[in-house]
Amino acid sequence: MTDLPGHHYHIEIPGTTIFDGKQAMKGYALNKMCYDFNKAENREGFKADEEGWMEKYGLNDEQKTACRNRDVLGMINAGGNIYYLAKFAGIFKLSVQDVGGLQTGRTTEEFQDFLQSQA
């Protein structure tokens, strides 16, 4: 790993997708769509026509499959940024703790217990 001006490095954390510039470019369409879920009418529009909405934003097949399956980890792997994906998860009544459980391989309750144990 080189930490010199002009050199880029990537830290490997097993089982973790690092959101870096490459991931940001990969997930641009997905993140743009999720950002637009800040508006209630866009969330409703997505629920009314998910396929049309994904097509409108130009999601690729990997992103579409992850969205169809409500697979937040798949969306992260497809370039999704968790801050934008929170809006997507909210459409389906998934809390941040639900997503935290998914990210760590725990149930929501196990994740909540974990958080409490760290307090």
C-alpha atoms as a PDB file:
ATOM      1  CA  MET A   1       0.000   0.000   0.000  1.00  0.00           C
ATOM      2  CA  THR A   2       1.435   3.362  -1.040  1.00  0.00           C
ATOM      3  CA  ASP A   3       0.310   6.521   0.686  1.00  0.00           C
ATOM      4  CA  LEU A   4       2.154   9.065  -1.434  1.00  0.00           C
ATOM      5  CA  PRO A   5       0.696  12.076  -3.232  1.00  0.00           C
ATOM      6  CA  GLY A   6      -0.754  10.981  -6.540  1.00  0.00           C
ATOM      7  CA  HIS A   7      -0.919   7.321  -5.537  1.00  0.00           C
ATOM      8  CA  HIS A   8      -4.172   5.637  -4.691  1.00  0.00           C
ATOM      9  CA  TYR A   9      -4.565   2.695  -2.411  1.00  0.00           C
ATOM     10  CA  HIS A  10      -7.393   0.393  -1.571  1.00  0.00           C
ATOM     11  CA  ILE A  11      -7.757  -1.245   1.811  1.00  0.00           C
ATOM     12  CA  GLU A  12      -9.085  -4.792   1.645  1.00  0.00           C
ATOM     13  CA  ILE A  13     -11.569  -5.673   4.373  1.00  0.00           C
ATOM     14  CA  PRO A  14     -12.815  -9.251   3.880  1.00  0.00           C
ATOM     15  CA  GLY A  15     -16.553  -9.392   3.228  1.00  0.00           C
ATOM     16  CA  THR A  16     -16.828  -5.616   2.871  1.00  0.00           C
ATOM     17  CA  THR A  17     -17.514  -3.571  -0.226  1.00  0.00           C
ATOM     18  CA  ILE A  18     -15.619  -0.291   0.033  1.00  0.00           C
ATOM     19  CA  PHE A  19     -17.486   2.647  -1.496  1.00  0.00           C
ATOM     20  CA  ASP A  20     -14.780   4.418  -3.439  1.00  0.00           C
ATOM     21  CA  GLY A  21     -14.596   6.318  -6.710  1.00  0.00           C
ATOM     22  CA  LYS A  22     -14.845   3.128  -8.767  1.00  0.00           C
ATOM     23  CA  GLN A  23     -17.971   2.020  -6.894  1.00  0.00           C
ATOM     24  CA  ALA A  24     -19.443   5.512  -7.177  1.00  0.00           C
ATOM     25  CA  MET A  25     -19.086   5.421 -10.957  1.00  0.00           C
ATOM     26  CA  LYS A  26     -20.463   1.875 -11.099  1.00  0.00           C
ATOM     27  CA  GLY A  27     -23.497   2.816  -9.003  1.00  0.00           C
ATOM     28  CA  TYR A  28     -24.256   6.250 -10.438  1.00  0.00           C
ATOM     29  CA  ALA A  29     -27.644   5.317 -11.957  1.00  0.00           C
ATOM     30  CA  LEU A  30     -28.769   3.390  -8.865  1.00  0.00           C
ATOM     31  CA  ASN A  31     -27.704   6.158  -6.499  1.00  0.00           C
ATOM     32  CA  LYS A  32     -29.351   8.824  -8.658  1.00  0.00           C
ATOM     33  CA  MET A  33     -32.612   6.883  -8.587  1.00  0.00           C
ATOM     34  CA  CYS A  34     -32.437   6.413  -4.812  1.00  0.00           C
ATOM     35  CA  TYR A  35     -31.527  10.068  -4.260  1.00  0.00           C
ATOM     36  CA  ASP A  36     -34.701  11.040  -6.097  1.00  0.00           C
ATOM     37  CA  PHE A  37     -36.671   9.016  -3.528  1.00  0.00           C
ATOM     38  CA  ASN A  38     -36.274  12.049  -1.268  1.00  0.00           C
ATOM     39  CA  LYS A  39     -39.530  13.165  -2.908  1.00  0.00           C
ATOM     40  CA  ALA A  40     -42.673  11.292  -1.911  1.00  0.00           C
ATOM     41  CA  GLU A  41     -44.066  11.389  -5.454  1.00  0.00           C
ATOM     42  CA  ASN A  42     -40.963   9.577  -6.721  1.00  0.00           C
ATOM     43  CA  ARG A  43     -41.297   6.877  -4.062  1.00  0.00           C
ATOM     44  CA  GLU A  44     -44.923   6.414  -5.081  1.00  0.00           C
ATOM     45  CA  GLY A  45     -43.971   6.381  -8.754  1.00  0.00           C
ATOM     46  CA  PHE A  46     -41.451   3.620  -8.118  1.00  0.00           C
ATOM     47  CA  LYS A  47     -43.978   1.525  -6.198  1.00  0.00           C
ATOM     48  CA  ALA A  48     -46.485   1.925  -9.045  1.00  0.00           C
ATOM     49  CA  ASP A  49     -44.029   0.885 -11.806  1.00  0.00           C
ATOM     50  CA  GLU A  50     -40.742  -0.496 -10.518  1.00  0.00           C
ATOM     51  CA  GLU A  51     -39.582  -1.813 -13.890  1.00  0.00           C
ATOM     52  CA  GLY A  52     -40.341   1.433 -15.694  1.00  0.00           C
ATOM     53  CA  TRP A  53     -38.660   3.444 -12.972  1.00  0.00           C
ATOM     54  CA  MET A  54     -35.476   1.322 -13.112  1.00  0.00           C
ATOM     55  CA  GLU A  55     -35.435   1.632 -16.888  1.00  0.00           C
ATOM     56  CA  LYS A  56     -35.936   5.402 -16.679  1.00  0.00           C
ATOM     57  CA  TYR A  57     -32.774   5.735 -14.582  1.00  0.00           C
ATOM     58  CA  GLY A  58     -30.759   3.288 -16.696  1.00  0.00           C
ATOM     59  CA  LEU A  59     -30.028   0.657 -14.064  1.00  0.00           C
ATOM     60  CA  ASN A  60     -27.969  -2.281 -15.289  1.00  0.00           C
ATOM     61  CA  ASP A  61     -29.089  -5.905 -14.913  1.00  0.00           C
ATOM     62  CA  GLU A  62     -27.177  -6.448 -11.655  1.00  0.00           C
ATOM     63  CA  GLN A  63     -28.782  -3.372 -10.102  1.00  0.00           C
ATOM     64  CA  LYS A  64     -32.261  -4.283 -11.353  1.00  0.00           C
ATOM     65  CA  THR A  65     -31.984  -7.819  -9.969  1.00  0.00           C
ATOM     66  CA  ALA A  66     -30.851  -6.531  -6.582  1.00  0.00           C
ATOM     67  CA  CYS A  67     -33.740  -4.030  -6.506  1.00  0.00           C
ATOM     68  CA  ARG A  68     -36.303  -6.668  -7.495  1.00  0.00           C
ATOM     69  CA  ASN A  69     -35.018  -8.952  -4.745  1.00  0.00           C
ATOM     70  CA  ARG A  70     -34.857  -6.134  -2.155  1.00  0.00           C
ATOM     71  CA  ASP A  71     -31.227  -7.214  -1.785  1.00  0.00           C
ATOM     72  CA  VAL A  72     -29.534  -4.255  -0.114  1.00  0.00           C
ATOM     73  CA  LEU A  73     -26.162  -6.027   0.022  1.00  0.00           C
ATOM     74  CA  GLY A  74     -26.482  -6.795  -3.696  1.00  0.00           C
ATOM     75  CA  MET A  75     -27.186  -3.118  -4.322  1.00  0.00           C
ATOM     76  CA  ILE A  76     -24.078  -2.158  -2.360  1.00  0.00           C
ATOM     77  CA  ASN A  77     -22.036  -4.596  -4.452  1.00  0.00           C
ATOM     78  CA  ALA A  78     -23.578  -3.031  -7.569  1.00  0.00           C
ATOM     79  CA  GLY A  79     -22.274   0.400  -6.554  1.00  0.00           C
ATOM     80  CA  GLY A  80     -25.006   1.534  -4.208  1.00  0.00           C
ATOM     81  CA  ASN A  81     -24.166   3.987  -1.462  1.00  0.00           C
ATOM     82  CA  ILE A  82     -25.833   3.089   1.828  1.00  0.00           C
ATOM     83  CA  TYR A  83     -26.944   6.690   2.406  1.00  0.00           C
ATOM     84  CA  TYR A  84     -28.903   6.707  -0.845  1.00  0.00           C
ATOM     85  CA  LEU A  85     -30.059   3.116  -0.401  1.00  0.00           C
ATOM     86  CA  ALA A  86     -31.666   4.081   2.904  1.00  0.00           C
ATOM     87  CA  LYS A  87     -34.374   5.848   0.879  1.00  0.00           C
ATOM     88  CA  PHE A  88     -34.939   2.684  -1.152  1.00  0.00           C
ATOM     89  CA  ALA A  89     -35.114   0.590   2.015  1.00  0.00           C
ATOM     90  CA  GLY A  90     -37.582   3.045   3.529  1.00  0.00           C
ATOM     91  CA  ILE A  91     -40.037   2.424   0.694  1.00  0.00           C
ATOM     92  CA  PHE A  92     -40.316  -1.150   1.937  1.00  0.00           C
ATOM     93  CA  LYS A  93     -40.381  -0.187   5.620  1.00  0.00           C
ATOM     94  CA  LEU A  94     -36.851  -1.442   6.292  1.00  0.00           C
ATOM     95  CA  SER A  95     -35.179   0.509   9.083  1.00  0.00           C
ATOM     96  CA  VAL A  96     -31.492   1.355   9.288  1.00  0.00           C
ATOM     97  CA  GLN A  97     -31.241  -1.398  11.903  1.00  0.00           C
ATOM     98  CA  ASP A  98     -32.852  -3.889   9.496  1.00  0.00           C
ATOM     99  CA  VAL A  99     -30.189  -2.974   6.936  1.00  0.00           C
ATOM    100  CA  GLY A 100     -27.457  -3.141   9.612  1.00  0.00           C
ATOM    101  CA  GLY A 101     -28.567  -6.676  10.368  1.00  0.00           C
ATOM    102  CA  LEU A 102     -28.412  -7.572   6.687  1.00  0.00           C
ATOM    103  CA  GLN A 103     -24.934  -6.097   6.384  1.00  0.00           C
ATOM    104  CA  THR A 104     -23.621  -8.044   9.364  1.00  0.00           C
ATOM    105  CA  GLY A 105     -25.416 -11.346   8.771  1.00  0.00           C
ATOM    106  CA  ARG A 106     -27.675 -10.882  11.785  1.00  0.00           C
ATOM    107  CA  THR A 107     -31.393 -10.619  12.276  1.00  0.00           C
ATOM    108  CA  THR A 108     -32.651  -7.165  13.158  1.00  0.00           C
ATOM    109  CA  GLU A 109     -33.065  -8.270  16.779  1.00  0.00           C
ATOM    110  CA  GLU A 110     -29.535  -9.715  16.904  1.00  0.00           C
ATOM    111  CA  PHE A 111     -28.173  -6.479  15.445  1.00  0.00           C
ATOM    112  CA  GLN A 112     -30.090  -4.411  18.013  1.00  0.00           C
ATOM    113  CA  ASP A 113     -28.727  -6.631  20.803  1.00  0.00           C
ATOM    114  CA  PHE A 114     -25.220  -6.168  19.381  1.00  0.00           C
ATOM    115  CA  LEU A 115     -25.665  -2.377  19.378  1.00  0.00           C
ATOM    116  CA  GLN A 116     -26.886  -2.454  22.974  1.00  0.00           C
ATOM    117  CA  SER A 117     -23.904  -4.570  24.038  1.00  0.00           C
ATOM    118  CA  GLN A 118     -21.564  -1.914  22.646  1.00  0.00           C
ATOM    119  CA  ALA A 119     -23.120   0.942  24.643  1.00  0.00           C
END
